Amino acid sequence: MKKFLINSRGQRIHLIENTFGKDSLFILCHGFTGSSDSHVIASLRDVLTQNRMDNVSVDFTNNLNESEGEFENHTISLEIEDLRDVYTHYRDTYDHIYLLGHSMGCTVVTQFAIETPIDGIILAAPAYNIAEVIISFAEEDVDTAVAKWREQGTVPIYKEAHDRYYPLRFSFYEDAIAIPYERVREIVCPCLVIYSDADTVVPPEQSQALYDRIGSSDKEIVNISGADHSFESPSFTKQLQAIVMRWINKQTAGSR
């Protein structure tokens, strides 16, 4: 079911909600330029719904989706604020809340989990330092690319599904490099990291670095070898779904 929630800045956040009266909720967070219909988010929503597990997929504001806001104003910190608004909306309804992220959505999830009591997190194709990943796609060396972005004020970001470019302000990069990535050592909830040794967007060593630094004593890392960044092919999608459901069933054993 589609619904809208007003965030703390007065913007409408678009959500896709599926509820079955269970005591656990799974909140799904998309990646850079993504949406609640991105392949990883839609695939995990489908398997959760098939198993009658309550779930809500978030369209972050200032993104290329059904929520309000302009993409040029997009920052990770604002996505974390959106997640806090969504979490607060559901917090009193559920005994347990789990967060699932894909790509940059994993940065939102981990930074949120540092400060908030979460029952568990699932991270698909995560980066330890997303700022390093994003700037690595620049055609010039890092210093030149950053200087040009700062001077021009915006940088064009290509969205393949729309076949067009969208401007993104330099404030996005300033915000991304200020994220306290090292604080993931403070995460103590159970954690599952899923990555691919063939990922050409987020280097696998970034996912491994995040796993190594997460402080939880209950953590697991799984490599879906050969998969692309979004686990697009049917065989990789099925592996992703199976790995996630196995972990969830272990974590929620005894819940209704």
C-alpha atoms as a PDB file:
ATOM      1  CA  MET A   1       0.000   0.000   0.000  1.00  0.00           C
ATOM      2  CA  LYS A   2       1.306   3.432  -0.941  1.00  0.00           C
ATOM      3  CA  LYS A   3       1.177   6.139   1.705  1.00  0.00           C
ATOM      4  CA  PHE A   4       2.822   9.451   2.521  1.00  0.00           C
ATOM      5  CA  LEU A   5       4.424  10.651   5.737  1.00  0.00           C
ATOM      6  CA  ILE A   6       5.307  14.282   6.439  1.00  0.00           C
ATOM      7  CA  ASN A   7       8.935  14.602   7.548  1.00  0.00           C
ATOM      8  CA  SER A   8      10.326  17.044  10.100  1.00  0.00           C
ATOM      9  CA  ARG A   9      11.008  19.565   7.303  1.00  0.00           C
ATOM     10  CA  GLY A  10       7.418  19.500   6.042  1.00  0.00           C
ATOM     11  CA  GLN A  11       8.137  17.357   2.966  1.00  0.00           C
ATOM     12  CA  ARG A  12       6.116  14.317   1.930  1.00  0.00           C
ATOM     13  CA  ILE A  13       7.994  11.000   2.127  1.00  0.00           C
ATOM     14  CA  HIS A  14       6.542   8.325  -0.140  1.00  0.00           C
ATOM     15  CA  LEU A  15       6.339   4.849   1.414  1.00  0.00           C
ATOM     16  CA  ILE A  16       5.267   1.405   0.235  1.00  0.00           C
ATOM     17  CA  GLU A  17       3.836  -0.409   3.242  1.00  0.00           C
ATOM     18  CA  ASN A  18       2.882  -4.072   3.635  1.00  0.00           C
ATOM     19  CA  THR A  19       1.580  -5.115   7.052  1.00  0.00           C
ATOM     20  CA  PHE A  20       0.312  -8.413   8.461  1.00  0.00           C
ATOM     21  CA  GLY A  21       0.007  -7.673  12.177  1.00  0.00           C
ATOM     22  CA  LYS A  22       3.439  -9.052  13.087  1.00  0.00           C
ATOM     23  CA  ASP A  23       5.668  -7.742  15.893  1.00  0.00           C
ATOM     24  CA  SER A  24       8.695  -7.066  13.678  1.00  0.00           C
ATOM     25  CA  LEU A  25       9.056  -4.393  10.966  1.00  0.00           C
ATOM     26  CA  PHE A  26      11.646  -4.258   8.192  1.00  0.00           C
ATOM     27  CA  ILE A  27      12.463  -0.784   6.794  1.00  0.00           C
ATOM     28  CA  LEU A  28      14.089  -0.798   3.341  1.00  0.00           C
ATOM     29  CA  CYS A  29      16.415   2.027   2.226  1.00  0.00           C
ATOM     30  CA  HIS A  30      17.437   2.595  -1.396  1.00  0.00           C
ATOM     31  CA  GLY A  31      20.763   3.760  -2.785  1.00  0.00           C
ATOM     32  CA  PHE A  32      22.077   6.801  -4.687  1.00  0.00           C
ATOM     33  CA  THR A  33      19.539   8.055  -7.311  1.00  0.00           C
ATOM     34  CA  GLY A  34      17.385   5.063  -6.342  1.00  0.00           C
ATOM     35  CA  SER A  35      13.841   4.554  -5.167  1.00  0.00           C
ATOM     36  CA  SER A  36      11.526   2.094  -3.492  1.00  0.00           C
ATOM     37  CA  ASP A  37      11.236   0.390  -6.888  1.00  0.00           C
ATOM     38  CA  SER A  38      14.992  -0.154  -7.309  1.00  0.00           C
ATOM     39  CA  HIS A  39      15.762  -3.810  -8.037  1.00  0.00           C
ATOM     40  CA  VAL A  40      17.306  -4.762  -4.697  1.00  0.00           C
ATOM     41  CA  ILE A  41      14.631  -2.966  -2.671  1.00  0.00           C
ATOM     42  CA  ALA A  42      11.752  -4.351  -4.756  1.00  0.00           C
ATOM     43  CA  SER A  43      13.188  -7.884  -4.650  1.00  0.00           C
ATOM     44  CA  LEU A  44      13.610  -7.858  -0.874  1.00  0.00           C
ATOM     45  CA  ARG A  45      10.179  -6.272  -0.414  1.00  0.00           C
ATOM     46  CA  ASP A  46       8.685  -9.073  -2.541  1.00  0.00           C
ATOM     47  CA  VAL A  47      10.256 -11.889  -0.521  1.00  0.00           C
ATOM     48  CA  LEU A  48       9.346 -10.264   2.797  1.00  0.00           C
ATOM     49  CA  THR A  49       5.759  -9.811   1.640  1.00  0.00           C
ATOM     50  CA  GLN A  50       5.566 -13.371   0.338  1.00  0.00           C
ATOM     51  CA  ASN A  51       6.603 -14.518   3.807  1.00  0.00           C
ATOM     52  CA  ARG A  52       4.025 -12.210   5.445  1.00  0.00           C
ATOM     53  CA  MET A  53       6.628 -10.085   7.189  1.00  0.00           C
ATOM     54  CA  ASP A  54       5.713  -6.444   7.816  1.00  0.00           C
ATOM     55  CA  ASN A  55       7.812  -4.115   5.677  1.00  0.00           C
ATOM     56  CA  VAL A  56       7.990  -0.523   4.514  1.00  0.00           C
ATOM     57  CA  SER A  57      10.100   0.787   1.623  1.00  0.00           C
ATOM     58  CA  VAL A  58      11.217   4.414   1.870  1.00  0.00           C
ATOM     59  CA  ASP A  59      11.608   6.939  -0.939  1.00  0.00           C
ATOM     60  CA  PHE A  60      14.015   9.478   0.524  1.00  0.00           C
ATOM     61  CA  THR A  61      13.202  13.140  -0.131  1.00  0.00           C
ATOM     62  CA  ASN A  62      15.283  15.250  -2.531  1.00  0.00           C
ATOM     63  CA  ASN A  63      15.731  12.184  -4.732  1.00  0.00           C
ATOM     64  CA  LEU A  64      14.553  10.889  -8.101  1.00  0.00           C
ATOM     65  CA  ASN A  65      11.388   9.208  -6.873  1.00  0.00           C
ATOM     66  CA  GLU A  66       7.855   9.927  -5.624  1.00  0.00           C
ATOM     67  CA  SER A  67       8.866  11.887  -2.513  1.00  0.00           C
ATOM     68  CA  GLU A  68       9.066  15.669  -2.455  1.00  0.00           C
ATOM     69  CA  GLY A  69      12.199  17.761  -2.888  1.00  0.00           C
ATOM     70  CA  GLU A  70      14.814  18.617  -5.488  1.00  0.00           C
ATOM     71  CA  PHE A  71      17.688  16.259  -6.248  1.00  0.00           C
ATOM     72  CA  GLU A  72      20.238  19.072  -6.244  1.00  0.00           C
ATOM     73  CA  ASN A  73      19.549  19.534  -2.502  1.00  0.00           C
ATOM     74  CA  HIS A  74      20.201  15.850  -1.744  1.00  0.00           C
ATOM     75  CA  THR A  75      22.520  14.902   1.149  1.00  0.00           C
ATOM     76  CA  ILE A  76      23.115  11.763   3.198  1.00  0.00           C
ATOM     77  CA  SER A  77      22.363  13.640   6.423  1.00  0.00           C
ATOM     78  CA  LEU A  78      18.900  14.562   5.147  1.00  0.00           C
ATOM     79  CA  GLU A  79      18.259  10.906   4.308  1.00  0.00           C
ATOM     80  CA  ILE A  80      19.235   9.969   7.850  1.00  0.00           C
ATOM     81  CA  GLU A  81      16.704  12.541   9.096  1.00  0.00           C
ATOM     82  CA  ASP A  82      14.039  10.989   6.844  1.00  0.00           C
ATOM     83  CA  LEU A  83      14.824   7.543   8.233  1.00  0.00           C
ATOM     84  CA  ARG A  84      14.492   8.897  11.759  1.00  0.00           C
ATOM     85  CA  ASP A  85      11.050  10.297  10.912  1.00  0.00           C
ATOM     86  CA  VAL A  86       9.961   6.942   9.456  1.00  0.00           C
ATOM     87  CA  TYR A  87      11.380   5.022  12.427  1.00  0.00           C
ATOM     88  CA  THR A  88       9.629   7.349  14.887  1.00  0.00           C
ATOM     89  CA  HIS A  89       6.323   6.909  13.045  1.00  0.00           C
ATOM     90  CA  TYR A  90       6.421   3.109  13.473  1.00  0.00           C
ATOM     91  CA  ARG A  91       8.436   2.741  16.669  1.00  0.00           C
ATOM     92  CA  ASP A  92       5.530   2.370  19.086  1.00  0.00           C
ATOM     93  CA  THR A  93       3.688  -0.123  16.855  1.00  0.00           C
ATOM     94  CA  TYR A  94       6.427  -2.766  16.729  1.00  0.00           C
ATOM     95  CA  ASP A  95       8.476  -4.689  19.273  1.00  0.00           C
ATOM     96  CA  HIS A  96      11.355  -5.131  16.820  1.00  0.00           C
ATOM     97  CA  ILE A  97      12.623  -2.984  13.948  1.00  0.00           C
ATOM     98  CA  TYR A  98      15.215  -4.079  11.399  1.00  0.00           C
ATOM     99  CA  LEU A  99      16.842  -1.921   8.707  1.00  0.00           C
ATOM    100  CA  LEU A 100      17.802  -3.060   5.204  1.00  0.00           C
ATOM    101  CA  GLY A 101      19.932  -0.918   2.910  1.00  0.00           C
ATOM    102  CA  HIS A 102      21.380  -1.102  -0.572  1.00  0.00           C
ATOM    103  CA  SER A 103      24.544   0.748  -1.631  1.00  0.00           C
ATOM    104  CA  MET A 104      24.404   4.307  -0.247  1.00  0.00           C
ATOM    105  CA  GLY A 105      21.282   3.302   1.678  1.00  0.00           C
ATOM    106  CA  CYS A 106      23.664   1.212   3.785  1.00  0.00           C
ATOM    107  CA  THR A 107      25.477   4.374   4.868  1.00  0.00           C
ATOM    108  CA  VAL A 108      22.129   5.816   5.971  1.00  0.00           C
ATOM    109  CA  VAL A 109      21.344   2.594   7.847  1.00  0.00           C
ATOM    110  CA  THR A 110      24.699   2.269   9.620  1.00  0.00           C
ATOM    111  CA  GLN A 111      24.877   5.909  10.662  1.00  0.00           C
ATOM    112  CA  PHE A 112      21.327   5.686  12.004  1.00  0.00           C
ATOM    113  CA  ALA A 113      22.071   2.446  13.870  1.00  0.00           C
ATOM    114  CA  ILE A 114      24.963   4.101  15.706  1.00  0.00           C
ATOM    115  CA  GLU A 115      22.587   6.329  17.642  1.00  0.00           C
ATOM    116  CA  THR A 116      19.375   4.274  17.684  1.00  0.00           C
ATOM    117  CA  PRO A 117      18.492   0.894  19.224  1.00  0.00           C
ATOM    118  CA  ILE A 118      17.868  -1.309  16.179  1.00  0.00           C
ATOM    119  CA  ASP A 119      17.278  -5.076  16.327  1.00  0.00           C
ATOM    120  CA  GLY A 120      19.417  -5.817  13.283  1.00  0.00           C
ATOM    121  CA  ILE A 121      20.722  -4.447   9.981  1.00  0.00           C
ATOM    122  CA  ILE A 122      21.111  -5.995   6.523  1.00  0.00           C
ATOM    123  CA  LEU A 123      23.540  -4.287   4.148  1.00  0.00           C
ATOM    124  CA  ALA A 124      23.615  -5.159   0.437  1.00  0.00           C
ATOM    125  CA  ALA A 125      26.611  -3.880  -1.563  1.00  0.00           C
ATOM    126  CA  PRO A 126      27.659  -1.423   1.156  1.00  0.00           C
ATOM    127  CA  ALA A 127      30.620   0.925   1.191  1.00  0.00           C
ATOM    128  CA  TYR A 128      32.661   1.853   4.233  1.00  0.00           C
ATOM    129  CA  ASN A 129      33.256   5.371   2.861  1.00  0.00           C
ATOM    130  CA  ILE A 130      30.647   6.306   0.259  1.00  0.00           C
ATOM    131  CA  ALA A 131      32.299   9.681  -0.442  1.00  0.00           C
ATOM    132  CA  GLU A 132      35.386   7.864  -1.752  1.00  0.00           C
ATOM    133  CA  VAL A 133      33.220   5.652  -3.952  1.00  0.00           C
ATOM    134  CA  ILE A 134      31.245   8.505  -5.514  1.00  0.00           C
ATOM    135  CA  ILE A 135      34.226  10.741  -6.264  1.00  0.00           C
ATOM    136  CA  SER A 136      36.113   7.787  -7.774  1.00  0.00           C
ATOM    137  CA  PHE A 137      33.793   7.959 -10.799  1.00  0.00           C
ATOM    138  CA  ALA A 138      35.107  11.393 -11.776  1.00  0.00           C
ATOM    139  CA  GLU A 139      37.037  11.508 -15.045  1.00  0.00           C
ATOM    140  CA  GLU A 140      39.797  13.613 -13.474  1.00  0.00           C
ATOM    141  CA  ASP A 141      41.932  12.910 -10.420  1.00  0.00           C
ATOM    142  CA  VAL A 142      40.167  13.432  -7.100  1.00  0.00           C
ATOM    143  CA  ASP A 143      41.651  16.848  -6.275  1.00  0.00           C
ATOM    144  CA  THR A 144      40.790  18.233  -9.707  1.00  0.00           C
ATOM    145  CA  ALA A 145      37.281  16.790  -9.636  1.00  0.00           C
ATOM    146  CA  VAL A 146      36.561  18.205  -6.177  1.00  0.00           C
ATOM    147  CA  ALA A 147      37.943  21.632  -7.123  1.00  0.00           C
ATOM    148  CA  LYS A 148      35.825  21.733 -10.293  1.00  0.00           C
ATOM    149  CA  TRP A 149      32.696  20.670  -8.392  1.00  0.00           C
ATOM    150  CA  ARG A 150      33.309  23.357  -5.771  1.00  0.00           C
ATOM    151  CA  GLU A 151      33.908  26.036  -8.401  1.00  0.00           C
ATOM    152  CA  GLN A 152      30.922  25.146 -10.577  1.00  0.00           C
ATOM    153  CA  GLY A 153      28.602  24.620  -7.617  1.00  0.00           C
ATOM    154  CA  THR A 154      26.955  21.527  -9.084  1.00  0.00           C
ATOM    155  CA  VAL A 155      27.946  18.379 -10.950  1.00  0.00           C
ATOM    156  CA  PRO A 156      25.723  16.539 -13.480  1.00  0.00           C
ATOM    157  CA  ILE A 157      24.600  13.077 -12.321  1.00  0.00           C
ATOM    158  CA  TYR A 158      23.325  10.714 -15.016  1.00  0.00           C
ATOM    159  CA  LYS A 159      20.195   8.648 -14.340  1.00  0.00           C
ATOM    160  CA  GLU A 160      20.142   5.834 -16.879  1.00  0.00           C
ATOM    161  CA  ALA A 161      16.467   4.972 -16.396  1.00  0.00           C
ATOM    162  CA  HIS A 162      15.529   8.575 -17.240  1.00  0.00           C
ATOM    163  CA  ASP A 163      18.281   9.058 -19.856  1.00  0.00           C
ATOM    164  CA  ARG A 164      19.078  12.501 -18.493  1.00  0.00           C
ATOM    165  CA  TYR A 165      21.420  14.378 -16.167  1.00  0.00           C
ATOM    166  CA  TYR A 166      20.461  15.996 -12.865  1.00  0.00           C
ATOM    167  CA  PRO A 167      22.525  18.667 -11.074  1.00  0.00           C
ATOM    168  CA  LEU A 168      23.850  17.853  -7.614  1.00  0.00           C
ATOM    169  CA  ARG A 169      25.220  20.597  -5.362  1.00  0.00           C
ATOM    170  CA  PHE A 170      28.703  20.531  -3.866  1.00  0.00           C
ATOM    171  CA  SER A 171      27.037  20.494  -0.448  1.00  0.00           C
ATOM    172  CA  PHE A 172      26.371  16.783  -1.068  1.00  0.00           C
ATOM    173  CA  TYR A 173      30.107  16.071  -1.146  1.00  0.00           C
ATOM    174  CA  GLU A 174      30.818  18.331   1.830  1.00  0.00           C
ATOM    175  CA  ASP A 175      28.197  16.427   3.789  1.00  0.00           C
ATOM    176  CA  ALA A 176      29.487  13.014   2.634  1.00  0.00           C
ATOM    177  CA  ILE A 177      33.090  13.638   3.698  1.00  0.00           C
ATOM    178  CA  ALA A 178      31.889  14.859   7.103  1.00  0.00           C
ATOM    179  CA  ILE A 179      30.068  11.600   7.869  1.00  0.00           C
ATOM    180  CA  PRO A 180      31.804   9.902  10.859  1.00  0.00           C
ATOM    181  CA  TYR A 181      32.357   6.580   9.103  1.00  0.00           C
ATOM    182  CA  GLU A 182      34.696   5.318  11.826  1.00  0.00           C
ATOM    183  CA  ARG A 183      31.815   5.314  14.314  1.00  0.00           C
ATOM    184  CA  VAL A 184      30.447   2.072  12.841  1.00  0.00           C
ATOM    185  CA  ARG A 185      32.600   0.419  15.516  1.00  0.00           C
ATOM    186  CA  GLU A 186      29.832   1.523  17.918  1.00  0.00           C
ATOM    187  CA  ILE A 187      27.198  -0.620  16.172  1.00  0.00           C
ATOM    188  CA  VAL A 188      26.297  -3.520  18.440  1.00  0.00           C
ATOM    189  CA  CYS A 189      23.155  -4.983  16.841  1.00  0.00           C
ATOM    190  CA  PRO A 190      23.297  -8.125  14.648  1.00  0.00           C
ATOM    191  CA  CYS A 191      24.508  -7.369  11.134  1.00  0.00           C
ATOM    192  CA  LEU A 192      24.507  -9.119   7.757  1.00  0.00           C
ATOM    193  CA  VAL A 193      26.738  -7.815   4.947  1.00  0.00           C
ATOM    194  CA  ILE A 194      26.136  -9.080   1.399  1.00  0.00           C
ATOM    195  CA  TYR A 195      28.501  -8.086  -1.394  1.00  0.00           C
ATOM    196  CA  SER A 196      29.917  -9.287  -4.706  1.00  0.00           C
ATOM    197  CA  ASP A 197      33.521  -9.775  -5.710  1.00  0.00           C
ATOM    198  CA  ALA A 198      32.484  -8.530  -9.191  1.00  0.00           C
ATOM    199  CA  ASP A 199      30.813  -5.279  -8.072  1.00  0.00           C
ATOM    200  CA  THR A 200      32.060  -2.451 -10.317  1.00  0.00           C
ATOM    201  CA  VAL A 201      30.231   0.319  -8.431  1.00  0.00           C
ATOM    202  CA  VAL A 202      31.184  -0.329  -4.810  1.00  0.00           C
ATOM    203  CA  PRO A 203      34.561  -2.101  -4.730  1.00  0.00           C
ATOM    204  CA  PRO A 204      34.357  -5.325  -2.709  1.00  0.00           C
ATOM    205  CA  GLU A 205      37.201  -4.120  -0.491  1.00  0.00           C
ATOM    206  CA  GLN A 206      34.909  -1.273   0.631  1.00  0.00           C
ATOM    207  CA  SER A 207      32.296  -3.798   1.779  1.00  0.00           C
ATOM    208  CA  GLN A 208      34.943  -5.878   3.520  1.00  0.00           C
ATOM    209  CA  ALA A 209      36.330  -2.779   5.241  1.00  0.00           C
ATOM    210  CA  LEU A 210      32.881  -1.918   6.572  1.00  0.00           C
ATOM    211  CA  TYR A 211      32.338  -5.448   7.851  1.00  0.00           C
ATOM    212  CA  ASP A 212      35.736  -5.470   9.558  1.00  0.00           C
ATOM    213  CA  ARG A 213      35.007  -2.180  11.339  1.00  0.00           C
ATOM    214  CA  ILE A 214      31.431  -2.817  12.504  1.00  0.00           C
ATOM    215  CA  GLY A 215      31.598  -3.370  16.242  1.00  0.00           C
ATOM    216  CA  SER A 216      28.902  -6.029  16.601  1.00  0.00           C
ATOM    217  CA  SER A 217      29.980  -9.454  17.835  1.00  0.00           C
ATOM    218  CA  ASP A 218      27.058 -10.951  15.888  1.00  0.00           C
ATOM    219  CA  LYS A 219      27.926 -10.207  12.281  1.00  0.00           C
ATOM    220  CA  GLU A 220      28.149 -12.182   9.055  1.00  0.00           C
ATOM    221  CA  ILE A 221      29.472 -11.453   5.575  1.00  0.00           C
ATOM    222  CA  VAL A 222      28.436 -13.302   2.396  1.00  0.00           C
ATOM    223  CA  ASN A 223      29.871 -12.981  -1.116  1.00  0.00           C
ATOM    224  CA  ILE A 224      27.480 -13.584  -4.028  1.00  0.00           C
ATOM    225  CA  SER A 225      30.344 -14.218  -6.421  1.00  0.00           C
ATOM    226  CA  GLY A 226      30.052 -12.773  -9.916  1.00  0.00           C
ATOM    227  CA  ALA A 227      27.002 -10.605  -9.235  1.00  0.00           C
ATOM    228  CA  ASP A 228      26.663  -7.006 -10.377  1.00  0.00           C
ATOM    229  CA  HIS A 229      26.022  -4.140  -7.969  1.00  0.00           C
ATOM    230  CA  SER A 230      22.240  -4.680  -7.939  1.00  0.00           C
ATOM    231  CA  PHE A 231      22.203  -8.491  -8.159  1.00  0.00           C
ATOM    232  CA  GLU A 232      20.093  -8.115 -11.318  1.00  0.00           C
ATOM    233  CA  SER A 233      20.121 -11.578 -12.887  1.00  0.00           C
ATOM    234  CA  PRO A 234      17.432 -14.001 -11.631  1.00  0.00           C
ATOM    235  CA  SER A 235      19.985 -16.398 -10.141  1.00  0.00           C
ATOM    236  CA  PHE A 236      21.732 -13.635  -8.183  1.00  0.00           C
ATOM    237  CA  THR A 237      18.403 -12.175  -7.064  1.00  0.00           C
ATOM    238  CA  LYS A 238      17.285 -15.570  -5.735  1.00  0.00           C
ATOM    239  CA  GLN A 239      20.578 -15.979  -3.881  1.00  0.00           C
ATOM    240  CA  LEU A 240      20.161 -12.518  -2.336  1.00  0.00           C
ATOM    241  CA  GLN A 241      16.611 -13.281  -1.227  1.00  0.00           C
ATOM    242  CA  ALA A 242      17.575 -16.686   0.197  1.00  0.00           C
ATOM    243  CA  ILE A 243      20.528 -15.313   2.161  1.00  0.00           C
ATOM    244  CA  VAL A 244      18.413 -12.502   3.609  1.00  0.00           C
ATOM    245  CA  MET A 245      15.537 -14.811   4.572  1.00  0.00           C
ATOM    246  CA  ARG A 246      17.865 -17.338   6.202  1.00  0.00           C
ATOM    247  CA  TRP A 247      19.388 -14.583   8.350  1.00  0.00           C
ATOM    248  CA  ILE A 248      16.005 -13.064   9.209  1.00  0.00           C
ATOM    249  CA  ASN A 249      14.522 -16.406  10.189  1.00  0.00           C
ATOM    250  CA  LYS A 250      17.456 -16.999  12.515  1.00  0.00           C
ATOM    251  CA  GLN A 251      17.159 -13.554  14.083  1.00  0.00           C
ATOM    252  CA  THR A 252      13.373 -13.604  14.487  1.00  0.00           C
ATOM    253  CA  ALA A 253      12.930 -17.167  15.715  1.00  0.00           C
ATOM    254  CA  GLY A 254      10.255 -17.029  18.384  1.00  0.00           C
ATOM    255  CA  SER A 255       8.672 -13.790  17.145  1.00  0.00           C
ATOM    256  CA  ARG A 256       5.099 -13.815  15.928  1.00  0.00           C
END
